[in-house]
Amino acid sequence: MWTDFSNFVVNMLFSIISVVTIIYYLLLLNKYKNYNTKEYKKNILLLVIGLIFVIVFIIIFMNIYYKFNLFNSILNV
């Protein structure tokens, strides 16, 4: 029961974080109408780096979380 709830909370948290990040980047890109500026190119680079960082962070955190959960369930048995 508790592990199901904690899995749900973690999944919801990451869903909310990813949706907010994507909306933020879309709004940031929408601010720049002239696509040839250095500012726009810098923001595209930041967007790509940010998305890669978010994906890697989620993968690492989920790995740690589920390994800890697995370890916990082994201890309980």
N, C-alpha and C. Protein backbone atom coordinates (compact mmCIF):
# COMPACT_ATOMS: atom_id res chain seq x y z
N MET A 1 0.84 -1.20 0.00
CA MET A 1 0.00 0.00 0.00
C MET A 1 0.87 1.26 0.00
N TRP A 2 1.81 1.32 0.95
CA TRP A 2 2.65 2.51 1.07
C TRP A 2 3.57 2.67 -0.14
N THR A 3 4.14 1.55 -0.62
CA THR A 3 5.04 1.65 -1.78
C THR A 3 4.27 2.06 -3.03
N ASP A 4 3.03 1.59 -3.18
CA ASP A 4 2.21 2.02 -4.33
C ASP A 4 1.98 3.52 -4.28
N PHE A 5 1.67 4.02 -3.10
CA PHE A 5 1.42 5.45 -2.95
C PHE A 5 2.69 6.26 -3.22
N SER A 6 3.84 5.80 -2.70
CA SER A 6 5.09 6.55 -2.91
C SER A 6 5.50 6.51 -4.38
N ASN A 7 5.28 5.37 -5.06
CA ASN A 7 5.55 5.30 -6.50
C ASN A 7 4.69 6.30 -7.26
N PHE A 8 3.41 6.37 -6.87
CA PHE A 8 2.49 7.31 -7.51
C PHE A 8 2.94 8.75 -7.29
N VAL A 9 3.35 9.07 -6.07
CA VAL A 9 3.79 10.44 -5.75
C VAL A 9 5.03 10.80 -6.56
N VAL A 10 6.01 9.89 -6.62
CA VAL A 10 7.24 10.17 -7.37
C VAL A 10 6.94 10.34 -8.85
N ASN A 11 6.10 9.47 -9.41
CA ASN A 11 5.75 9.60 -10.83
C ASN A 11 5.02 10.89 -11.12
N MET A 12 4.09 11.29 -10.25
CA MET A 12 3.37 12.54 -10.43
C MET A 12 4.33 13.73 -10.34
N LEU A 13 5.26 13.66 -9.40
CA LEU A 13 6.23 14.74 -9.22
C LEU A 13 7.06 14.93 -10.49
N PHE A 14 7.56 13.84 -11.05
CA PHE A 14 8.37 13.95 -12.25
C PHE A 14 7.53 14.38 -13.46
N SER A 15 6.28 13.94 -13.51
CA SER A 15 5.41 14.39 -14.61
C SER A 15 5.20 15.89 -14.53
N ILE A 16 4.91 16.40 -13.34
CA ILE A 16 4.68 17.84 -13.17
C ILE A 16 5.94 18.62 -13.50
N ILE A 17 7.11 18.14 -13.02
CA ILE A 17 8.37 18.84 -13.29
C ILE A 17 8.64 18.89 -14.79
N SER A 18 8.45 17.77 -15.49
CA SER A 18 8.74 17.76 -16.93
C SER A 18 7.78 18.64 -17.71
N VAL A 19 6.49 18.63 -17.35
CA VAL A 19 5.51 19.46 -18.05
C VAL A 19 5.82 20.95 -17.84
N VAL A 20 6.13 21.32 -16.59
CA VAL A 20 6.46 22.72 -16.29
C VAL A 20 7.72 23.15 -17.03
N THR A 21 8.72 22.26 -17.08
CA THR A 21 9.96 22.59 -17.79
C THR A 21 9.70 22.82 -19.27
N ILE A 22 8.92 21.93 -19.90
CA ILE A 22 8.63 22.07 -21.32
C ILE A 22 7.85 23.35 -21.60
N ILE A 23 6.84 23.66 -20.76
CA ILE A 23 6.06 24.88 -20.95
C ILE A 23 6.96 26.11 -20.79
N TYR A 24 7.85 26.09 -19.80
CA TYR A 24 8.76 27.21 -19.58
C TYR A 24 9.64 27.44 -20.80
N TYR A 25 10.21 26.37 -21.34
CA TYR A 25 11.08 26.51 -22.50
C TYR A 25 10.30 26.99 -23.73
N LEU A 26 9.08 26.51 -23.90
CA LEU A 26 8.27 26.96 -25.03
C LEU A 26 7.95 28.45 -24.91
N LEU A 27 7.62 28.90 -23.70
CA LEU A 27 7.35 30.32 -23.49
C LEU A 27 8.62 31.15 -23.72
N LEU A 28 9.76 30.61 -23.29
CA LEU A 28 11.04 31.31 -23.47
C LEU A 28 11.35 31.47 -24.96
N LEU A 29 11.10 30.40 -25.72
CA LEU A 29 11.38 30.47 -27.16
C LEU A 29 10.38 31.37 -27.88
N ASN A 30 9.16 31.41 -27.38
CA ASN A 30 8.13 32.22 -28.01
C ASN A 30 8.42 33.72 -27.85
N LYS A 31 9.24 34.05 -26.84
CA LYS A 31 9.57 35.45 -26.58
C LYS A 31 10.42 36.05 -27.70
N TYR A 32 11.19 35.20 -28.37
CA TYR A 32 12.12 35.70 -29.40
C TYR A 32 11.54 35.45 -30.78
N LYS A 33 11.09 36.51 -31.41
CA LYS A 33 10.47 36.37 -32.74
C LYS A 33 11.52 36.38 -33.86
N ASN A 34 12.62 37.10 -33.63
CA ASN A 34 13.68 37.15 -34.64
C ASN A 34 14.63 35.97 -34.40
N TYR A 35 14.57 35.01 -35.32
CA TYR A 35 15.27 33.74 -35.08
C TYR A 35 16.76 33.80 -35.39
N ASN A 36 17.26 34.91 -35.93
CA ASN A 36 18.66 34.96 -36.30
C ASN A 36 19.56 35.55 -35.22
N THR A 37 18.97 35.94 -34.11
CA THR A 37 19.77 36.58 -33.07
C THR A 37 20.62 35.56 -32.32
N LYS A 38 21.71 36.07 -31.74
CA LYS A 38 22.56 35.19 -30.94
C LYS A 38 21.82 34.72 -29.69
N GLU A 39 20.94 35.59 -29.18
CA GLU A 39 20.17 35.25 -27.97
C GLU A 39 19.31 34.01 -28.22
N TYR A 40 18.69 33.95 -29.40
CA TYR A 40 17.83 32.81 -29.74
C TYR A 40 18.65 31.53 -29.83
N LYS A 41 19.82 31.62 -30.50
CA LYS A 41 20.67 30.43 -30.64
C LYS A 41 21.17 29.96 -29.28
N LYS A 42 21.49 30.92 -28.41
CA LYS A 42 21.94 30.57 -27.06
C LYS A 42 20.81 29.86 -26.30
N ASN A 43 19.57 30.32 -26.48
CA ASN A 43 18.45 29.70 -25.78
C ASN A 43 18.14 28.31 -26.32
N ILE A 44 18.33 28.10 -27.63
CA ILE A 44 18.16 26.75 -28.20
C ILE A 44 19.18 25.81 -27.55
N LEU A 45 20.43 26.28 -27.44
CA LEU A 45 21.47 25.47 -26.82
C LEU A 45 21.12 25.16 -25.37
N LEU A 46 20.66 26.19 -24.63
CA LEU A 46 20.27 25.98 -23.24
C LEU A 46 19.10 25.01 -23.14
N LEU A 47 18.16 25.09 -24.07
CA LEU A 47 17.01 24.18 -24.07
C LEU A 47 17.47 22.74 -24.23
N VAL A 48 18.35 22.51 -25.20
CA VAL A 48 18.84 21.14 -25.45
C VAL A 48 19.60 20.62 -24.23
N ILE A 49 20.50 21.45 -23.68
CA ILE A 49 21.28 21.04 -22.50
C ILE A 49 20.35 20.79 -21.31
N GLY A 50 19.37 21.68 -21.13
CA GLY A 50 18.43 21.53 -20.02
C GLY A 50 17.60 20.26 -20.13
N LEU A 51 17.10 19.97 -21.33
CA LEU A 51 16.29 18.77 -21.51
C LEU A 51 17.13 17.51 -21.29
N ILE A 52 18.37 17.50 -21.79
CA ILE A 52 19.26 16.35 -21.57
C ILE A 52 19.52 16.18 -20.07
N PHE A 53 19.77 17.30 -19.37
CA PHE A 53 20.02 17.25 -17.93
C PHE A 53 18.81 16.70 -17.17
N VAL A 54 17.61 17.19 -17.54
CA VAL A 54 16.39 16.72 -16.86
C VAL A 54 16.18 15.23 -17.09
N ILE A 55 16.38 14.76 -18.33
CA ILE A 55 16.19 13.34 -18.64
C ILE A 55 17.20 12.48 -17.87
N VAL A 56 18.48 12.91 -17.87
CA VAL A 56 19.52 12.15 -17.15
C VAL A 56 19.22 12.13 -15.65
N PHE A 57 18.81 13.28 -15.10
CA PHE A 57 18.50 13.35 -13.68
C PHE A 57 17.35 12.42 -13.32
N ILE A 58 16.30 12.41 -14.17
CA ILE A 58 15.16 11.53 -13.90
C ILE A 58 15.58 10.08 -13.95
N ILE A 59 16.41 9.70 -14.94
CA ILE A 59 16.86 8.30 -15.06
C ILE A 59 17.68 7.90 -13.83
N ILE A 60 18.63 8.76 -13.42
CA ILE A 60 19.48 8.45 -12.27
C ILE A 60 18.64 8.35 -11.00
N PHE A 61 17.74 9.34 -10.80
CA PHE A 61 16.94 9.34 -9.57
C PHE A 61 16.02 8.13 -9.52
N MET A 62 15.40 7.78 -10.65
CA MET A 62 14.51 6.63 -10.67
C MET A 62 15.30 5.35 -10.39
N ASN A 63 16.51 5.25 -10.94
CA ASN A 63 17.36 4.09 -10.67
C ASN A 63 17.63 3.96 -9.18
N ILE A 64 18.06 5.06 -8.56
CA ILE A 64 18.37 5.04 -7.13
C ILE A 64 17.11 4.71 -6.33
N TYR A 65 15.99 5.34 -6.71
CA TYR A 65 14.74 5.15 -5.97
C TYR A 65 14.28 3.71 -6.03
N TYR A 66 14.30 3.12 -7.22
CA TYR A 66 13.81 1.76 -7.34
C TYR A 66 14.79 0.74 -6.76
N LYS A 67 16.10 1.02 -6.82
CA LYS A 67 17.06 0.13 -6.18
C LYS A 67 16.85 0.14 -4.67
N PHE A 68 16.64 1.34 -4.12
CA PHE A 68 16.40 1.45 -2.68
C PHE A 68 15.11 0.73 -2.30
N ASN A 69 14.09 0.88 -3.12
CA ASN A 69 12.81 0.22 -2.88
C ASN A 69 12.98 -1.30 -2.90
N LEU A 70 13.75 -1.78 -3.88
CA LEU A 70 14.00 -3.21 -4.00
C LEU A 70 14.72 -3.71 -2.76
N PHE A 71 15.74 -2.95 -2.33
CA PHE A 71 16.52 -3.30 -1.15
C PHE A 71 15.61 -3.35 0.07
N ASN A 72 14.72 -2.38 0.19
CA ASN A 72 13.79 -2.30 1.31
C ASN A 72 12.87 -3.52 1.33
N SER A 73 12.35 -3.91 0.16
CA SER A 73 11.42 -5.04 0.11
C SER A 73 12.15 -6.35 0.44
N ILE A 74 13.43 -6.46 0.06
CA ILE A 74 14.21 -7.66 0.40
C ILE A 74 14.40 -7.73 1.92
N LEU A 75 14.70 -6.57 2.53
CA LEU A 75 14.87 -6.53 3.99
C LEU A 75 13.57 -6.90 4.71
N ASN A 76 12.45 -6.46 4.17
CA ASN A 76 11.16 -6.75 4.82
C ASN A 76 10.79 -8.22 4.73
N VAL A 77 11.22 -8.90 3.66
CA VAL A 77 10.95 -10.33 3.51
C VAL A 77 11.93 -11.09 4.39
